[in-house]
Amino acid sequence: NTFPTWNSWPGLFASLVTGNPVVVKPHPQA
């Protein structure tokens, strides 16, 4: 909830760039 991009983007892009499809499950409030 508190850092929806800062805490999500590193893992998202680390996984995507290494070839993995990514499912993004956000916090319901963010």
PDB file of all heavy atoms in Angstrom:
ATOM      1  N   ASN A   1       0.812  -1.210   0.000  1.00  0.00           N
ATOM      2  CA  ASN A   1       0.000   0.000   0.000  1.00  0.00           C
ATOM      3  C   ASN A   1       0.849   1.266   0.000  1.00  0.00           C
ATOM      4  O   ASN A   1       0.516   2.255  -0.636  1.00  0.00           O
ATOM      5  CB  ASN A   1      -0.923  -0.027   1.217  1.00  0.00           C
ATOM      6  CG  ASN A   1      -2.066   0.979   1.157  1.00  0.00           C
ATOM      7  OD1 ASN A   1      -2.965   0.934   1.976  1.00  0.00           O
ATOM      8  ND2 ASN A   1      -2.059   1.893   0.203  1.00  0.00           N
ATOM      9  N   THR A   2       1.961   1.238   0.727  1.00  0.00           N
ATOM     10  CA  THR A   2       2.701   2.465   0.993  1.00  0.00           C
ATOM     11  C   THR A   2       3.641   2.877  -0.130  1.00  0.00           C
ATOM     12  O   THR A   2       3.837   4.062  -0.385  1.00  0.00           O
ATOM     13  CB  THR A   2       3.493   2.323   2.292  1.00  0.00           C
ATOM     14  OG1 THR A   2       4.208   1.088   2.273  1.00  0.00           O
ATOM     15  CG2 THR A   2       2.556   2.350   3.495  1.00  0.00           C
ATOM     16  N   PHE A   3       4.256   1.911  -0.810  1.00  0.00           N
ATOM     17  CA  PHE A   3       5.179   2.209  -1.907  1.00  0.00           C
ATOM     18  C   PHE A   3       4.852   1.292  -3.092  1.00  0.00           C
ATOM     19  O   PHE A   3       5.601   0.360  -3.392  1.00  0.00           O
ATOM     20  CB  PHE A   3       6.632   2.037  -1.462  1.00  0.00           C
ATOM     21  CG  PHE A   3       7.109   3.118  -0.541  1.00  0.00           C
ATOM     22  CD1 PHE A   3       6.916   3.018   0.826  1.00  0.00           C
ATOM     23  CD2 PHE A   3       7.714   4.259  -1.037  1.00  0.00           C
ATOM     24  CE1 PHE A   3       7.326   4.021   1.689  1.00  0.00           C
ATOM     25  CE2 PHE A   3       8.137   5.271  -0.192  1.00  0.00           C
ATOM     26  CZ  PHE A   3       7.939   5.154   1.180  1.00  0.00           C
ATOM     27  N   PRO A   4       3.725   1.554  -3.755  1.00  0.00           N
ATOM     28  CA  PRO A   4       3.255   0.610  -4.781  1.00  0.00           C
ATOM     29  C   PRO A   4       4.187   0.465  -5.975  1.00  0.00           C
ATOM     30  O   PRO A   4       4.252  -0.614  -6.568  1.00  0.00           O
ATOM     31  CB  PRO A   4       1.895   1.186  -5.192  1.00  0.00           C
ATOM     32  CG  PRO A   4       1.920   2.621  -4.755  1.00  0.00           C
ATOM     33  CD  PRO A   4       2.779   2.670  -3.551  1.00  0.00           C
ATOM     34  N   THR A   5       4.910   1.511  -6.326  1.00  0.00           N
ATOM     35  CA  THR A   5       5.840   1.401  -7.461  1.00  0.00           C
ATOM     36  C   THR A   5       7.262   1.098  -6.987  1.00  0.00           C
ATOM     37  O   THR A   5       7.908   0.191  -7.489  1.00  0.00           O
ATOM     38  CB  THR A   5       5.844   2.696  -8.301  1.00  0.00           C
ATOM     39  OG1 THR A   5       6.105   3.828  -7.448  1.00  0.00           O
ATOM     40  CG2 THR A   5       4.505   2.885  -8.991  1.00  0.00           C
ATOM     41  N   TRP A   6       7.739   1.838  -5.991  1.00  0.00           N
ATOM     42  CA  TRP A   6       9.129   1.702  -5.547  1.00  0.00           C
ATOM     43  C   TRP A   6       9.430   0.277  -5.106  1.00  0.00           C
ATOM     44  O   TRP A   6      10.505  -0.254  -5.386  1.00  0.00           O
ATOM     45  CB  TRP A   6       9.389   2.682  -4.399  1.00  0.00           C
ATOM     46  CG  TRP A   6      10.830   2.973  -4.120  1.00  0.00           C
ATOM     47  CD1 TRP A   6      11.554   4.029  -4.580  1.00  0.00           C
ATOM     48  CD2 TRP A   6      11.729   2.198  -3.302  1.00  0.00           C
ATOM     49  NE1 TRP A   6      12.840   3.961  -4.107  1.00  0.00           N
ATOM     50  CE2 TRP A   6      12.978   2.850  -3.318  1.00  0.00           C
ATOM     51  CE3 TRP A   6      11.593   1.024  -2.575  1.00  0.00           C
ATOM     52  CZ2 TRP A   6      14.080   2.376  -2.628  1.00  0.00           C
ATOM     53  CZ3 TRP A   6      12.697   0.534  -1.880  1.00  0.00           C
ATOM     54  CH2 TRP A   6      13.920   1.215  -1.913  1.00  0.00           C
ATOM     55  N   ASN A   7       8.472  -0.363  -4.433  1.00  0.00           N
ATOM     56  CA  ASN A   7       8.710  -1.712  -3.956  1.00  0.00           C
ATOM     57  C   ASN A   7       8.307  -2.796  -4.945  1.00  0.00           C
ATOM     58  O   ASN A   7       8.682  -3.961  -4.756  1.00  0.00           O
ATOM     59  CB  ASN A   7       7.966  -1.950  -2.632  1.00  0.00           C
ATOM     60  CG  ASN A   7       8.764  -1.491  -1.420  1.00  0.00           C
ATOM     61  OD1 ASN A   7       8.356  -0.589  -0.698  1.00  0.00           O
ATOM     62  ND2 ASN A   7       9.912  -2.105  -1.187  1.00  0.00           N
ATOM     63  N   SER A   8       7.565  -2.466  -5.976  1.00  0.00           N
ATOM     64  CA  SER A   8       7.116  -3.470  -6.945  1.00  0.00           C
ATOM     65  C   SER A   8       7.950  -3.500  -8.215  1.00  0.00           C
ATOM     66  O   SER A   8       8.157  -4.566  -8.803  1.00  0.00           O
ATOM     67  CB  SER A   8       5.646  -3.228  -7.322  1.00  0.00           C
ATOM     68  OG  SER A   8       4.797  -3.397  -6.223  1.00  0.00           O
ATOM     69  N   TRP A   9       8.392  -2.351  -8.657  1.00  0.00           N
ATOM     70  CA  TRP A   9       9.092  -2.296  -9.943  1.00  0.00           C
ATOM     71  C   TRP A   9      10.392  -3.091  -9.981  1.00  0.00           C
ATOM     72  O   TRP A   9      10.675  -3.741 -10.996  1.00  0.00           O
ATOM     73  CB  TRP A   9       9.333  -0.849 -10.340  1.00  0.00           C
ATOM     74  CG  TRP A   9       8.095  -0.152 -10.849  1.00  0.00           C
ATOM     75  CD1 TRP A   9       6.861  -0.702 -11.039  1.00  0.00           C
ATOM     76  CD2 TRP A   9       7.984   1.221 -11.225  1.00  0.00           C
ATOM     77  NE1 TRP A   9       5.981   0.252 -11.510  1.00  0.00           N
ATOM     78  CE2 TRP A   9       6.644   1.433 -11.635  1.00  0.00           C
ATOM     79  CE3 TRP A   9       8.865   2.286 -11.259  1.00  0.00           C
ATOM     80  CZ2 TRP A   9       6.192   2.683 -12.075  1.00  0.00           C
ATOM     81  CZ3 TRP A   9       8.421   3.540 -11.693  1.00  0.00           C
ATOM     82  CH2 TRP A   9       7.098   3.728 -12.097  1.00  0.00           C
ATOM     83  N   PRO A  10      11.220  -3.087  -8.939  1.00  0.00           N
ATOM     84  CA  PRO A  10      12.455  -3.889  -9.039  1.00  0.00           C
ATOM     85  C   PRO A  10      12.181  -5.359  -9.337  1.00  0.00           C
ATOM     86  O   PRO A  10      12.802  -5.955 -10.218  1.00  0.00           O
ATOM     87  CB  PRO A  10      13.117  -3.686  -7.684  1.00  0.00           C
ATOM     88  CG  PRO A  10      12.648  -2.347  -7.234  1.00  0.00           C
ATOM     89  CD  PRO A  10      11.215  -2.278  -7.693  1.00  0.00           C
ATOM     90  N   GLY A  11      11.271  -5.976  -8.605  1.00  0.00           N
ATOM     91  CA  GLY A  11      10.958  -7.381  -8.844  1.00  0.00           C
ATOM     92  C   GLY A  11      10.283  -7.606 -10.175  1.00  0.00           C
ATOM     93  O   GLY A  11      10.575  -8.576 -10.886  1.00  0.00           O
ATOM     94  N   LEU A  12       9.369  -6.700 -10.540  1.00  0.00           N
ATOM     95  CA  LEU A  12       8.674  -6.822 -11.825  1.00  0.00           C
ATOM     96  C   LEU A  12       9.677  -6.849 -12.970  1.00  0.00           C
ATOM     97  O   LEU A  12       9.650  -7.749 -13.829  1.00  0.00           O
ATOM     98  CB  LEU A  12       7.694  -5.659 -11.981  1.00  0.00           C
ATOM     99  CG  LEU A  12       6.667  -5.679 -13.119  1.00  0.00           C
ATOM    100  CD1 LEU A  12       5.587  -4.623 -12.868  1.00  0.00           C
ATOM    101  CD2 LEU A  12       7.267  -5.458 -14.499  1.00  0.00           C
ATOM    102  N   PHE A  13      10.570  -5.863 -12.992  1.00  0.00           N
ATOM    103  CA  PHE A  13      11.500  -5.761 -14.122  1.00  0.00           C
ATOM    104  C   PHE A  13      12.625  -6.785 -14.041  1.00  0.00           C
ATOM    105  O   PHE A  13      13.111  -7.248 -15.083  1.00  0.00           O
ATOM    106  CB  PHE A  13      12.034  -4.330 -14.235  1.00  0.00           C
ATOM    107  CG  PHE A  13      11.028  -3.377 -14.795  1.00  0.00           C
ATOM    108  CD1 PHE A  13      10.228  -2.619 -13.959  1.00  0.00           C
ATOM    109  CD2 PHE A  13      10.828  -3.282 -16.162  1.00  0.00           C
ATOM    110  CE1 PHE A  13       9.262  -1.767 -14.478  1.00  0.00           C
ATOM    111  CE2 PHE A  13       9.870  -2.430 -16.692  1.00  0.00           C
ATOM    112  CZ  PHE A  13       9.080  -1.670 -15.843  1.00  0.00           C
ATOM    113  N   ALA A  14      13.040  -7.164 -12.832  1.00  0.00           N
ATOM    114  CA  ALA A  14      14.048  -8.218 -12.715  1.00  0.00           C
ATOM    115  C   ALA A  14      13.522  -9.528 -13.278  1.00  0.00           C
ATOM    116  O   ALA A  14      14.256 -10.283 -13.935  1.00  0.00           O
ATOM    117  CB  ALA A  14      14.464  -8.392 -11.261  1.00  0.00           C
ATOM    118  N   SER A  15      12.249  -9.823 -13.041  1.00  0.00           N
ATOM    119  CA  SER A  15      11.661 -11.055 -13.568  1.00  0.00           C
ATOM    120  C   SER A  15      11.383 -10.959 -15.055  1.00  0.00           C
ATOM    121  O   SER A  15      11.655 -11.892 -15.817  1.00  0.00           O
ATOM    122  CB  SER A  15      10.367 -11.378 -12.816  1.00  0.00           C
ATOM    123  OG  SER A  15      10.642 -11.832 -11.513  1.00  0.00           O
ATOM    124  N   LEU A  16      10.830  -9.835 -15.480  1.00  0.00           N
ATOM    125  CA  LEU A  16      10.457  -9.698 -16.900  1.00  0.00           C
ATOM    126  C   LEU A  16      11.679  -9.730 -17.797  1.00  0.00           C
ATOM    127  O   LEU A  16      11.698 -10.434 -18.825  1.00  0.00           O
ATOM    128  CB  LEU A  16       9.680  -8.398 -17.096  1.00  0.00           C
ATOM    129  CG  LEU A  16       9.097  -8.171 -18.492  1.00  0.00           C
ATOM    130  CD1 LEU A  16       8.062  -9.240 -18.834  1.00  0.00           C
ATOM    131  CD2 LEU A  16       8.475  -6.774 -18.597  1.00  0.00           C
ATOM    132  N   VAL A  17      12.729  -9.009 -17.433  1.00  0.00           N
ATOM    133  CA  VAL A  17      13.894  -8.923 -18.314  1.00  0.00           C
ATOM    134  C   VAL A  17      14.629 -10.263 -18.405  1.00  0.00           C
ATOM    135  O   VAL A  17      15.304 -10.544 -19.408  1.00  0.00           O
ATOM    136  CB  VAL A  17      14.841  -7.799 -17.834  1.00  0.00           C
ATOM    137  CG1 VAL A  17      15.629  -8.220 -16.602  1.00  0.00           C
ATOM    138  CG2 VAL A  17      15.792  -7.361 -18.953  1.00  0.00           C
ATOM    139  N   THR A  18      14.478 -11.111 -17.405  1.00  0.00           N
ATOM    140  CA  THR A  18      15.130 -12.429 -17.439  1.00  0.00           C
ATOM    141  C   THR A  18      14.252 -13.495 -18.099  1.00  0.00           C
ATOM    142  O   THR A  18      14.596 -14.678 -18.070  1.00  0.00           O
ATOM    143  CB  THR A  18      15.517 -12.873 -16.018  1.00  0.00           C
ATOM    144  OG1 THR A  18      14.401 -12.737 -15.141  1.00  0.00           O
ATOM    145  CG2 THR A  18      16.681 -12.032 -15.497  1.00  0.00           C
ATOM    146  N   GLY A  19      13.121 -13.071 -18.665  1.00  0.00           N
ATOM    147  CA  GLY A  19      12.337 -13.966 -19.507  1.00  0.00           C
ATOM    148  C   GLY A  19      11.055 -14.492 -18.919  1.00  0.00           C
ATOM    149  O   GLY A  19      10.357 -15.294 -19.557  1.00  0.00           O
ATOM    150  N   ASN A  20      10.700 -14.042 -17.715  1.00  0.00           N
ATOM    151  CA  ASN A  20       9.535 -14.579 -17.028  1.00  0.00           C
ATOM    152  C   ASN A  20       8.302 -13.706 -17.243  1.00  0.00           C
ATOM    153  O   ASN A  20       8.384 -12.480 -17.102  1.00  0.00           O
ATOM    154  CB  ASN A  20       9.807 -14.657 -15.527  1.00  0.00           C
ATOM    155  CG  ASN A  20      11.066 -15.428 -15.203  1.00  0.00           C
ATOM    156  OD1 ASN A  20      11.074 -16.645 -15.162  1.00  0.00           O
ATOM    157  ND2 ASN A  20      12.166 -14.703 -14.976  1.00  0.00           N
ATOM    158  N   PRO A  21       7.157 -14.290 -17.548  1.00  0.00           N
ATOM    159  CA  PRO A  21       5.921 -13.499 -17.527  1.00  0.00           C
ATOM    160  C   PRO A  21       5.596 -13.090 -16.106  1.00  0.00           C
ATOM    161  O   PRO A  21       5.938 -13.801 -15.153  1.00  0.00           O
ATOM    162  CB  PRO A  21       4.875 -14.459 -18.090  1.00  0.00           C
ATOM    163  CG  PRO A  21       5.424 -15.822 -17.859  1.00  0.00           C
ATOM    164  CD  PRO A  21       6.921 -15.703 -17.884  1.00  0.00           C
ATOM    165  N   VAL A  22       4.949 -11.948 -15.948  1.00  0.00           N
ATOM    166  CA  VAL A  22       4.731 -11.381 -14.617  1.00  0.00           C
ATOM    167  C   VAL A  22       3.253 -11.106 -14.393  1.00  0.00           C
ATOM    168  O   VAL A  22       2.609 -10.424 -15.198  1.00  0.00           O
ATOM    169  CB  VAL A  22       5.534 -10.077 -14.426  1.00  0.00           C
ATOM    170  CG1 VAL A  22       5.332  -9.536 -13.012  1.00  0.00           C
ATOM    171  CG2 VAL A  22       7.014 -10.308 -14.700  1.00  0.00           C
ATOM    172  N   VAL A  23       2.740 -11.627 -13.300  1.00  0.00           N
ATOM    173  CA  VAL A  23       1.398 -11.293 -12.820  1.00  0.00           C
ATOM    174  C   VAL A  23       1.563 -10.300 -11.678  1.00  0.00           C
ATOM    175  O   VAL A  23       2.234 -10.590 -10.683  1.00  0.00           O
ATOM    176  CB  VAL A  23       0.634 -12.542 -12.341  1.00  0.00           C
ATOM    177  CG1 VAL A  23      -0.707 -12.145 -11.725  1.00  0.00           C
ATOM    178  CG2 VAL A  23       0.426 -13.511 -13.489  1.00  0.00           C
ATOM    179  N   VAL A  24       0.961  -9.124 -11.821  1.00  0.00           N
ATOM    180  CA  VAL A  24       1.083  -8.061 -10.828  1.00  0.00           C
ATOM    181  C   VAL A  24      -0.181  -8.043  -9.986  1.00  0.00           C
ATOM    182  O   VAL A  24      -1.276  -7.756 -10.490  1.00  0.00           O
ATOM    183  CB  VAL A  24       1.297  -6.694 -11.507  1.00  0.00           C
ATOM    184  CG1 VAL A  24       1.393  -5.591 -10.459  1.00  0.00           C
ATOM    185  CG2 VAL A  24       2.553  -6.719 -12.369  1.00  0.00           C
ATOM    186  N   LYS A  25      -0.044  -8.378  -8.699  1.00  0.00           N
ATOM    187  CA  LYS A  25      -1.170  -8.400  -7.772  1.00  0.00           C
ATOM    188  C   LYS A  25      -1.020  -7.214  -6.821  1.00  0.00           C
ATOM    189  O   LYS A  25      -0.305  -7.274  -5.829  1.00  0.00           O
ATOM    190  CB  LYS A  25      -1.172  -9.723  -6.986  1.00  0.00           C
ATOM    191  CG  LYS A  25      -2.551 -10.190  -6.522  1.00  0.00           C
ATOM    192  CD  LYS A  25      -3.248  -9.263  -5.552  1.00  0.00           C
ATOM    193  CE  LYS A  25      -2.558  -9.178  -4.205  1.00  0.00           C
ATOM    194  NZ  LYS A  25      -3.300  -8.245  -3.266  1.00  0.00           N
ATOM    195  N   PRO A  26      -1.688  -6.093  -7.113  1.00  0.00           N
ATOM    196  CA  PRO A  26      -1.514  -4.910  -6.275  1.00  0.00           C
ATOM    197  C   PRO A  26      -2.267  -5.017  -4.966  1.00  0.00           C
ATOM    198  O   PRO A  26      -3.200  -5.806  -4.814  1.00  0.00           O
ATOM    199  CB  PRO A  26      -2.097  -3.788  -7.147  1.00  0.00           C
ATOM    200  CG  PRO A  26      -3.103  -4.474  -8.016  1.00  0.00           C
ATOM    201  CD  PRO A  26      -2.589  -5.862  -8.245  1.00  0.00           C
ATOM    202  N   HIS A  27      -1.858  -4.204  -4.007  1.00  0.00           N
ATOM    203  CA  HIS A  27      -2.637  -4.063  -2.785  1.00  0.00           C
ATOM    204  C   HIS A  27      -3.987  -3.447  -3.165  1.00  0.00           C
ATOM    205  O   HIS A  27      -4.041  -2.518  -3.982  1.00  0.00           O
ATOM    206  CB  HIS A  27      -1.900  -3.152  -1.802  1.00  0.00           C
ATOM    207  CG  HIS A  27      -2.494  -3.116  -0.431  1.00  0.00           C
ATOM    208  ND1 HIS A  27      -3.653  -2.422  -0.136  1.00  0.00           N
ATOM    209  CD2 HIS A  27      -2.099  -3.697   0.740  1.00  0.00           C
ATOM    210  CE1 HIS A  27      -3.941  -2.567   1.147  1.00  0.00           C
ATOM    211  NE2 HIS A  27      -3.013  -3.340   1.702  1.00  0.00           N
ATOM    212  N   PRO A  28      -5.094  -3.914  -2.588  1.00  0.00           N
ATOM    213  CA  PRO A  28      -6.398  -3.377  -2.980  1.00  0.00           C
ATOM    214  C   PRO A  28      -6.548  -1.873  -2.803  1.00  0.00           C
ATOM    215  O   PRO A  28      -7.363  -1.243  -3.488  1.00  0.00           O
ATOM    216  CB  PRO A  28      -7.368  -4.142  -2.068  1.00  0.00           C
ATOM    217  CG  PRO A  28      -6.681  -5.428  -1.770  1.00  0.00           C
ATOM    218  CD  PRO A  28      -5.225  -5.070  -1.670  1.00  0.00           C
ATOM    219  N   GLN A  29      -5.765  -1.276  -1.905  1.00  0.00           N
ATOM    220  CA  GLN A  29      -5.839   0.168  -1.704  1.00  0.00           C
ATOM    221  C   GLN A  29      -4.886   0.948  -2.611  1.00  0.00           C
ATOM    222  O   GLN A  29      -4.897   2.179  -2.595  1.00  0.00           O
ATOM    223  CB  GLN A  29      -5.526   0.495  -0.243  1.00  0.00           C
ATOM    224  CG  GLN A  29      -6.607   0.082   0.733  1.00  0.00           C
ATOM    225  CD  GLN A  29      -7.865   0.929   0.617  1.00  0.00           C
ATOM    226  OE1 GLN A  29      -7.839   2.035   0.089  1.00  0.00           O
ATOM    227  NE2 GLN A  29      -8.979   0.402   1.092  1.00  0.00           N
ATOM    228  N   ALA A  30      -4.071   0.252  -3.382  1.00  0.00           N
ATOM    229  CA  ALA A  30      -3.071   0.943  -4.215  1.00  0.00           C
ATOM    230  C   ALA A  30      -2.938   0.234  -5.561  1.00  0.00           C
ATOM    231  O   ALA A  30      -1.879  -0.292  -5.907  1.00  0.00           O
ATOM    232  CB  ALA A  30      -1.728   1.003  -3.494  1.00  0.00           C
TER     233      ALA A  30
END
